Each structure stands twice: as C-alpha cells, then as structure tokens.
Amino acid sequence: MSKLKISGSFVALVTPFNENGAVDLGAFRSLLDFQRRHGTAAVLIMGSTGETSMLSPEEKRAIIVECSKMKTTDMAIFYGCTGNNTDTTIANVRFARDNGADGAILAAPSYICAPESDIESFFLEVADATDLPLGVYNNPPRVKTDLHWEQLLRIFKHPNYVIHKESTARVGQVAQVLAGRPDVSVMCCDSPNLGLVVPTMSLGGHGTANMTGNIAPAELAVISRPWTGHAEAGDFKEAYLNLLPLLHYTYSAINPVAVKSLMKALGMPVGALRKPLTSLQGEALAKGVRVIEALGLDRKYGFSIDRAALAA
C-alpha cells in the first residue's frame, strides 16, 4: 500500500459544543463541509485547537466514530490520539484505526515534562503498535519536551510517520529536517510570532498545520501550497502579507480562545469554550470582527455577525 501523502492546508478543527455544553456531533458535519469546499487538504480533530485535554474518553471515542462516518475521498481526517502515557496512546491510536481514521497526530504526553530520549522512544513504540499513518507534533510550549532535528529524523525513518508539524521558532531546525529529506510532509504552525511559515515554504515545506483555517480556509490553502515555481511564491507573498492581521488576531489569546470566540461571533456552529476557558467579549471580540470585515471575509464566506455579542 502506498504511503499517505498530505500537502497544503492541514486545519486543526475546533470542537463544537451545543447550548448544554455537550459535544455537538452534528455541527462537525457543517464544519467539515466548510473546510472541504474551500480547499483544505486535511483536518485534525481533537488537537489543542479542539480543546482535547478537556474532553472525556467517552466523548473522544464518540467523536472518532461519528466524524469518521463523514469522511470523503478529497479531505483526510486525522485525530489527536495522545494519551497520558504510552499504553493509553496506543489504545487511542488503535481505536481510531479500527473506526475509520485516516491518521493520528501525536505530541509528547503533557505535564510529565519527559526527557527527549524517552519521548523519542514513545513515538517509536506507538508506531510499532499500529499501521495507521501518524504525525509528530513538536510543541514545547504546550508539553515542555522539545525534540532535536536529529531525533526527529530518526523517528521519521519509521514507515508509519507521514507528517511533521513544528511549533518552535527555530528556522534552523526546519531547515535541518528538510535537508535530511525524510519521507514525511514537513509542515509548520501558522503563528506569525513563531515566524516559521515563510522559511518553511521557501525551503521546500509541504504546507501548514494551522488553526486560522477554521475561519479563512481558502486563504490558508493558498499560503500552504508547496512552492514549485515563481507563481506559487508570488501568490504566497501577496496572500500571506494580506492575511497577517487575521493571523495575529487568532494568536492574540491562548489557542483556541480567539479563533473559537470569533467563529461564534461570525455565526459558525461552534458553541462556547469549555470552562475554565471563557470567550472573548466586547472590544477584544470586536477587533477580530473588524479584521474579518476589512479583509472582506464576511462577504466571501457569508458570515452572519452577532452584533449583540460585540456589544456585551
């Protein structure tokens, strides 16, 4: 079987909740369709943008089962399957595989702040336990563990790894990974503060693993398109500079507070954040709406802005 290849915009989807605070499984269909219609190559469900640490095991299993029923051939669905230890992670990955997942994204287990050598072994042990396509999310701000490019290249020799997402600010690390020519799609976070998008794409990266695509999927699809010539580079420059105000806004609060608050204000079926997180209100929210209007995204996507929420 040929190895799964992902390039372009890989959007980390929010988790929608209903008015009672329960997971709104039906709303996932609307969100997935929105992504599919606007050029997203793949989505990650239950990543950090999906408030995964605040979902129960039962909710996670239900999300995998129901969202996998919504799969189509033109957009891959991956799930965040990191557990609090190796055995739990393996069980999560196997459940996802048995219930129709296209792949799983793994980070280092949170809170334990494990040494990098242990986390390298963790990634390899999980990969040995499944044939599901996997991705590595190197995100030290969230989990403290920070893998070096030499460790990443060793991990990527495992045939089950197909994606790497880097969320550090080290351009040199991305360059070294790409120079190693691993058989994986090298992607980066879309945070403008980390500043990895421009160098990653210019050095031959395969796309971005982003959260801003929840709101602007077509725009993220443009800046996530691999460069094969001058045309892509030119399109990228114009699109990226134009999108900077929105990128800065979606990262103006801890993920996913800004992006999900703005989605709700734009009339998207996402519900509230799960406590203890709370939504942006008043001027903090109105600022995001002004960015959307200035970019013309409200007209392009037909957003229905909740003016009452902005006045709160």
Protein backbone atom coordinates (compact mmCIF):
# COMPACT_ATOMS: atom_id res chain seq x y z
CA MET A 1 0.00 0.00 0.00
CA SER A 2 1.41 3.42 -0.97
CA LYS A 3 2.31 5.83 1.79
CA LEU A 4 -0.22 8.58 2.56
CA LYS A 5 0.95 11.99 1.32
CA ILE A 6 -0.50 15.23 2.69
CA SER A 7 0.34 18.66 1.29
CA GLY A 8 -1.35 22.03 1.57
CA SER A 9 -3.55 23.27 4.40
CA PHE A 10 -3.97 20.94 7.37
CA VAL A 11 -6.52 22.63 9.63
CA ALA A 12 -6.75 21.88 13.35
CA LEU A 13 -10.51 21.97 13.83
CA VAL A 14 -12.32 23.37 16.86
CA THR A 15 -14.66 21.08 18.78
CA PRO A 16 -18.25 22.36 18.60
CA PHE A 17 -20.40 22.29 21.73
CA ASN A 18 -24.15 22.74 22.00
CA GLU A 19 -26.01 25.05 24.39
CA ASN A 20 -25.80 22.44 27.16
CA GLY A 21 -22.02 22.22 26.81
CA ALA A 22 -22.03 18.72 25.27
CA VAL A 23 -20.14 17.88 22.09
CA ASP A 24 -22.27 18.82 19.10
CA LEU A 25 -21.58 15.90 16.79
CA GLY A 26 -23.97 17.21 14.15
CA ALA A 27 -22.12 20.53 13.90
CA PHE A 28 -18.97 18.69 12.90
CA ARG A 29 -20.60 17.94 9.55
CA SER A 30 -21.09 21.64 8.82
CA LEU A 31 -17.52 22.47 9.86
CA LEU A 32 -16.05 19.64 7.80
CA ASP A 33 -18.08 20.62 4.76
CA PHE A 34 -16.89 24.24 5.11
CA GLN A 35 -13.30 23.05 5.06
CA ARG A 36 -13.83 20.64 2.18
CA ARG A 37 -15.49 23.27 -0.02
CA HIS A 38 -12.62 25.72 0.40
CA GLY A 39 -9.55 23.72 -0.41
CA THR A 40 -8.41 22.19 2.88
CA ALA A 41 -6.31 19.08 2.30
CA ALA A 42 -6.75 17.51 5.75
CA VAL A 43 -8.18 18.28 9.16
CA LEU A 44 -7.05 17.42 12.65
CA ILE A 45 -9.86 16.74 15.09
CA MET A 46 -9.10 16.81 18.84
CA GLY A 47 -5.84 18.72 18.63
CA SER A 48 -5.08 21.54 21.05
CA THR A 49 -7.42 23.75 18.99
CA GLY A 50 -10.13 21.15 19.66
CA GLU A 51 -9.83 21.52 23.46
CA THR A 52 -8.79 17.89 23.58
CA SER A 53 -7.47 17.96 27.14
CA MET A 54 -10.97 18.84 28.36
CA LEU A 55 -12.78 16.06 26.51
CA SER A 56 -13.69 12.85 28.32
CA PRO A 57 -12.54 9.47 26.94
CA GLU A 58 -16.15 8.70 26.05
CA GLU A 59 -16.50 11.97 24.14
CA LYS A 60 -13.28 11.31 22.24
CA ARG A 61 -14.43 7.87 21.16
CA ALA A 62 -17.81 9.21 20.05
CA ILE A 63 -16.15 11.97 18.03
CA ILE A 64 -13.94 9.46 16.21
CA VAL A 65 -16.81 7.12 15.44
CA GLU A 66 -19.20 9.80 14.19
CA CYS A 67 -16.73 12.02 12.32
CA SER A 68 -15.24 9.05 10.51
CA LYS A 69 -18.69 8.46 9.05
CA MET A 70 -18.39 11.91 7.47
CA LYS A 71 -15.22 11.08 5.53
CA THR A 72 -14.85 11.74 1.83
CA THR A 73 -12.01 10.91 -0.52
CA ASP A 74 -10.91 14.52 -1.02
CA MET A 75 -10.02 15.51 2.55
CA ALA A 76 -8.20 13.35 5.09
CA ILE A 77 -9.35 13.25 8.72
CA PHE A 78 -6.72 12.80 11.42
CA TYR A 79 -7.36 12.65 15.17
CA GLY A 80 -5.33 13.76 18.13
CA CYS A 81 -4.62 10.49 19.95
CA THR A 82 -2.03 11.39 22.57
CA GLY A 83 -2.84 9.84 25.92
CA ASN A 84 -1.25 10.46 29.30
CA ASN A 85 1.10 7.50 28.83
CA THR A 86 2.33 5.16 26.10
CA ASP A 87 -0.22 2.38 26.62
CA THR A 88 -3.16 4.77 26.56
CA THR A 89 -1.83 6.41 23.43
CA ILE A 90 -1.51 3.04 21.69
CA ALA A 91 -5.06 2.17 22.69
CA ASN A 92 -6.31 5.52 21.33
CA VAL A 93 -4.48 5.03 18.04
CA ARG A 94 -5.82 1.51 17.63
CA PHE A 95 -9.36 2.68 18.34
CA ALA A 96 -9.01 5.44 15.74
CA ARG A 97 -7.63 3.00 13.20
CA ASP A 98 -10.41 0.47 13.81
CA ASN A 99 -13.06 3.15 13.41
CA GLY A 100 -12.04 4.65 10.10
CA ALA A 101 -9.43 7.31 10.87
CA ASP A 102 -7.11 8.34 8.06
CA GLY A 103 -4.36 9.00 10.59
CA ALA A 104 -3.41 10.26 14.04
CA ILE A 105 -1.26 13.14 15.27
CA LEU A 106 0.83 12.63 18.41
CA ALA A 107 2.55 15.02 20.76
CA ALA A 108 4.56 14.23 23.85
CA PRO A 109 2.23 13.37 26.76
CA SER A 110 1.53 16.58 28.63
CA TYR A 111 2.51 17.67 32.14
CA ILE A 112 5.16 14.98 32.75
CA CYS A 113 7.90 17.06 31.03
CA ALA A 114 9.70 13.89 29.98
CA PRO A 115 13.28 13.90 28.71
CA GLU A 116 13.60 13.94 24.94
CA SER A 117 15.14 10.45 24.83
CA ASP A 118 12.03 9.00 26.47
CA ILE A 119 9.74 10.83 24.05
CA GLU A 120 11.71 9.57 21.06
CA SER A 121 11.13 6.04 22.36
CA PHE A 122 7.46 6.88 22.93
CA PHE A 123 6.94 7.90 19.29
CA LEU A 124 8.69 4.78 18.01
CA GLU A 125 6.86 2.40 20.35
CA VAL A 126 3.47 3.79 19.32
CA ALA A 127 4.40 3.49 15.64
CA ASP A 128 5.43 -0.13 16.13
CA ALA A 129 2.00 -0.89 17.57
CA THR A 130 -0.08 0.19 14.55
CA ASP A 131 -0.14 0.58 10.80
CA LEU A 132 -2.15 3.82 10.99
CA PRO A 133 -0.40 6.81 9.38
CA LEU A 134 0.99 9.04 12.13
CA GLY A 135 2.29 12.57 12.60
CA VAL A 136 4.63 14.14 15.13
CA TYR A 137 3.69 17.47 16.70
CA ASN A 138 6.77 19.09 18.24
CA ASN A 139 5.18 21.68 20.51
CA PRO A 140 7.38 22.50 23.52
CA PRO A 141 5.28 25.50 24.69
CA ARG A 142 2.46 23.04 25.45
CA VAL A 143 4.34 19.94 26.64
CA LYS A 144 7.89 21.21 27.52
CA THR A 145 9.59 18.33 25.73
CA ASP A 146 11.45 19.68 22.68
CA LEU A 147 12.78 17.22 20.12
CA HIS A 148 16.02 18.00 18.26
CA TRP A 149 16.15 17.60 14.48
CA GLU A 150 18.43 14.57 14.82
CA GLN A 151 15.82 12.83 16.96
CA LEU A 152 13.07 13.79 14.53
CA LEU A 153 14.95 12.37 11.57
CA ARG A 154 15.46 9.11 13.43
CA ILE A 155 11.75 8.92 14.19
CA PHE A 156 10.84 9.67 10.58
CA LYS A 157 12.71 6.60 9.40
CA HIS A 158 9.75 4.64 10.73
CA PRO A 159 7.42 3.98 7.78
CA ASN A 160 4.26 4.84 9.72
CA TYR A 161 5.22 8.51 10.13
CA VAL A 162 3.87 10.70 7.36
CA ILE A 163 3.67 14.22 8.87
CA HIS A 164 5.81 16.52 10.95
CA LYS A 165 4.44 19.73 12.47
CA GLU A 166 6.98 22.08 14.01
CA SER A 167 5.81 24.65 16.57
CA THR A 168 9.09 26.11 17.70
CA ALA A 169 10.65 29.33 16.43
CA ARG A 170 13.77 27.61 15.11
CA VAL A 171 14.14 28.11 11.39
CA GLY A 172 17.40 26.17 11.58
CA GLN A 173 15.59 23.11 12.87
CA VAL A 174 13.12 23.14 9.99
CA ALA A 175 15.99 23.54 7.53
CA GLN A 176 17.86 20.59 9.01
CA VAL A 177 14.78 18.38 8.90
CA LEU A 178 14.14 19.29 5.25
CA ALA A 179 17.81 18.81 4.42
CA GLY A 180 17.53 15.28 5.79
CA ARG A 181 14.85 14.60 3.15
CA PRO A 182 12.63 12.43 5.35
CA ASP A 183 9.71 10.65 3.72
CA VAL A 184 7.18 12.80 5.58
CA SER A 185 5.27 16.02 4.89
CA VAL A 186 7.04 18.83 6.76
CA MET A 187 4.58 21.43 8.00
CA CYS A 188 4.64 24.27 10.48
CA CYS A 189 2.37 26.21 12.79
CA ASP A 190 0.75 29.30 11.24
CA SER A 191 1.60 31.56 14.20
CA PRO A 192 3.09 34.80 12.85
CA ASN A 193 5.01 35.19 16.11
CA LEU A 194 6.86 31.91 15.60
CA GLY A 195 7.56 33.09 12.06
CA LEU A 196 8.02 29.64 10.51
CA VAL A 197 5.62 29.83 7.58
CA VAL A 198 7.80 31.85 5.19
CA PRO A 199 11.04 29.90 5.72
CA THR A 200 9.30 26.52 5.81
CA MET A 201 7.56 27.06 2.49
CA SER A 202 10.58 28.68 0.85
CA LEU A 203 12.83 25.77 1.85
CA GLY A 204 10.51 23.17 0.35
CA GLY A 205 7.96 22.58 3.09
CA HIS A 206 4.77 20.79 2.22
CA GLY A 207 2.23 23.04 3.93
CA THR A 208 0.99 24.42 7.22
CA ALA A 209 -0.77 22.70 10.09
CA ASN A 210 -2.87 25.65 11.12
CA MET A 211 -5.83 26.88 13.15
CA THR A 212 -6.62 30.11 11.29
CA GLY A 213 -8.06 27.97 8.50
CA ASN A 214 -11.09 27.43 10.74
CA ILE A 215 -12.15 30.92 9.63
CA ALA A 216 -10.26 31.50 6.37
CA PRO A 217 -9.75 28.09 4.77
CA ALA A 218 -9.24 29.26 1.18
CA GLU A 219 -6.64 31.82 2.25
CA LEU A 220 -4.73 29.24 4.28
CA ALA A 221 -4.91 26.87 1.32
CA VAL A 222 -3.06 29.47 -0.77
CA ILE A 223 -0.25 30.11 1.71
CA SER A 224 0.05 26.38 2.39
CA ARG A 225 0.56 25.41 -1.25
CA PRO A 226 4.04 23.95 -1.85
CA TRP A 227 6.29 26.11 -3.99
CA THR A 228 7.07 24.51 -7.33
CA GLY A 229 7.88 27.74 -9.18
CA HIS A 230 7.66 31.52 -9.21
CA ALA A 231 3.87 31.52 -9.48
CA GLU A 232 3.34 29.85 -6.10
CA ALA A 233 5.92 32.10 -4.44
CA GLY A 234 4.22 35.19 -5.83
CA ASP A 235 0.76 34.05 -4.75
CA PHE A 236 2.13 33.21 -1.31
CA LYS A 237 3.68 36.64 -0.75
CA GLU A 238 0.51 38.55 -1.54
CA ALA A 239 -1.74 36.19 0.40
CA TYR A 240 0.49 35.97 3.46
CA LEU A 241 1.01 39.71 3.85
CA ASN A 242 -2.70 40.32 3.35
CA LEU A 243 -3.61 37.72 5.97
CA LEU A 244 -1.21 38.88 8.68
CA PRO A 245 -3.83 40.90 10.63
CA LEU A 246 -6.02 37.80 10.99
CA LEU A 247 -3.06 35.55 11.87
CA HIS A 248 -2.04 37.95 14.62
CA TYR A 249 -5.61 38.09 15.91
CA THR A 250 -6.15 34.33 16.08
CA TYR A 251 -2.96 34.08 18.15
CA SER A 252 -3.83 37.05 20.38
CA ALA A 253 -5.06 34.70 23.13
CA ILE A 254 -4.21 31.15 24.08
CA ASN A 255 -5.37 28.70 21.43
CA PRO A 256 -8.31 28.27 20.78
CA VAL A 257 -9.81 31.21 22.69
CA ALA A 258 -9.53 33.86 19.98
CA VAL A 259 -10.34 31.70 16.99
CA LYS A 260 -13.35 29.98 18.55
CA SER A 261 -14.73 33.20 20.04
CA LEU A 262 -14.52 34.84 16.63
CA MET A 263 -16.10 31.85 14.88
CA LYS A 264 -19.08 32.04 17.22
CA ALA A 265 -19.43 35.79 16.65
CA LEU A 266 -19.42 35.11 12.89
CA GLY A 267 -22.37 32.74 13.24
CA MET A 268 -20.48 29.48 12.85
CA PRO A 269 -21.90 26.50 14.80
CA VAL A 270 -19.16 26.10 17.40
CA GLY A 271 -20.74 27.00 20.74
CA ALA A 272 -18.81 28.23 23.72
CA LEU A 273 -15.41 27.28 25.05
CA ARG A 274 -15.32 24.64 27.74
CA LYS A 275 -14.63 26.02 31.22
CA PRO A 276 -12.33 27.17 32.68
CA LEU A 277 -11.70 28.85 29.30
CA THR A 278 -14.03 31.74 28.53
CA SER A 279 -14.82 33.53 25.29
CA LEU A 280 -13.55 36.95 24.31
CA GLN A 281 -16.11 39.71 24.61
CA GLY A 282 -16.58 43.40 23.90
CA GLU A 283 -13.71 45.22 22.25
CA ALA A 284 -11.43 42.16 22.24
CA LEU A 285 -14.01 40.36 20.10
CA ALA A 286 -14.98 43.40 18.03
CA LYS A 287 -11.35 43.80 16.96
CA GLY A 288 -11.45 40.39 15.32
CA VAL A 289 -14.71 41.17 13.53
CA ARG A 290 -13.18 44.37 12.15
CA VAL A 291 -10.29 42.35 10.77
CA ILE A 292 -12.74 39.97 9.08
CA GLU A 293 -14.66 42.86 7.56
CA ALA A 294 -11.52 44.66 6.40
CA LEU A 295 -10.42 41.51 4.58
CA GLY A 296 -13.86 41.03 3.06
CA LEU A 297 -14.17 37.55 4.55
CA ASP A 298 -17.64 38.24 5.91
CA ARG A 299 -18.92 38.73 2.36
CA LYS A 300 -16.82 35.95 0.84
CA TYR A 301 -17.99 33.28 3.28
CA GLY A 302 -21.43 34.67 4.08
CA PHE A 303 -20.76 35.03 7.80
CA SER A 304 -23.67 36.23 9.91
CA ILE A 305 -22.13 38.54 12.52
CA ASP A 306 -23.66 38.53 16.01
CA ARG A 307 -23.73 42.27 16.75
CA ALA A 308 -25.29 41.70 20.18
CA ALA A 309 -22.27 39.68 21.27
CA LEU A 310 -19.97 42.55 20.29
CA ALA A 311 -21.91 44.97 22.47
CA ALA A 312 -21.72 42.76 25.54
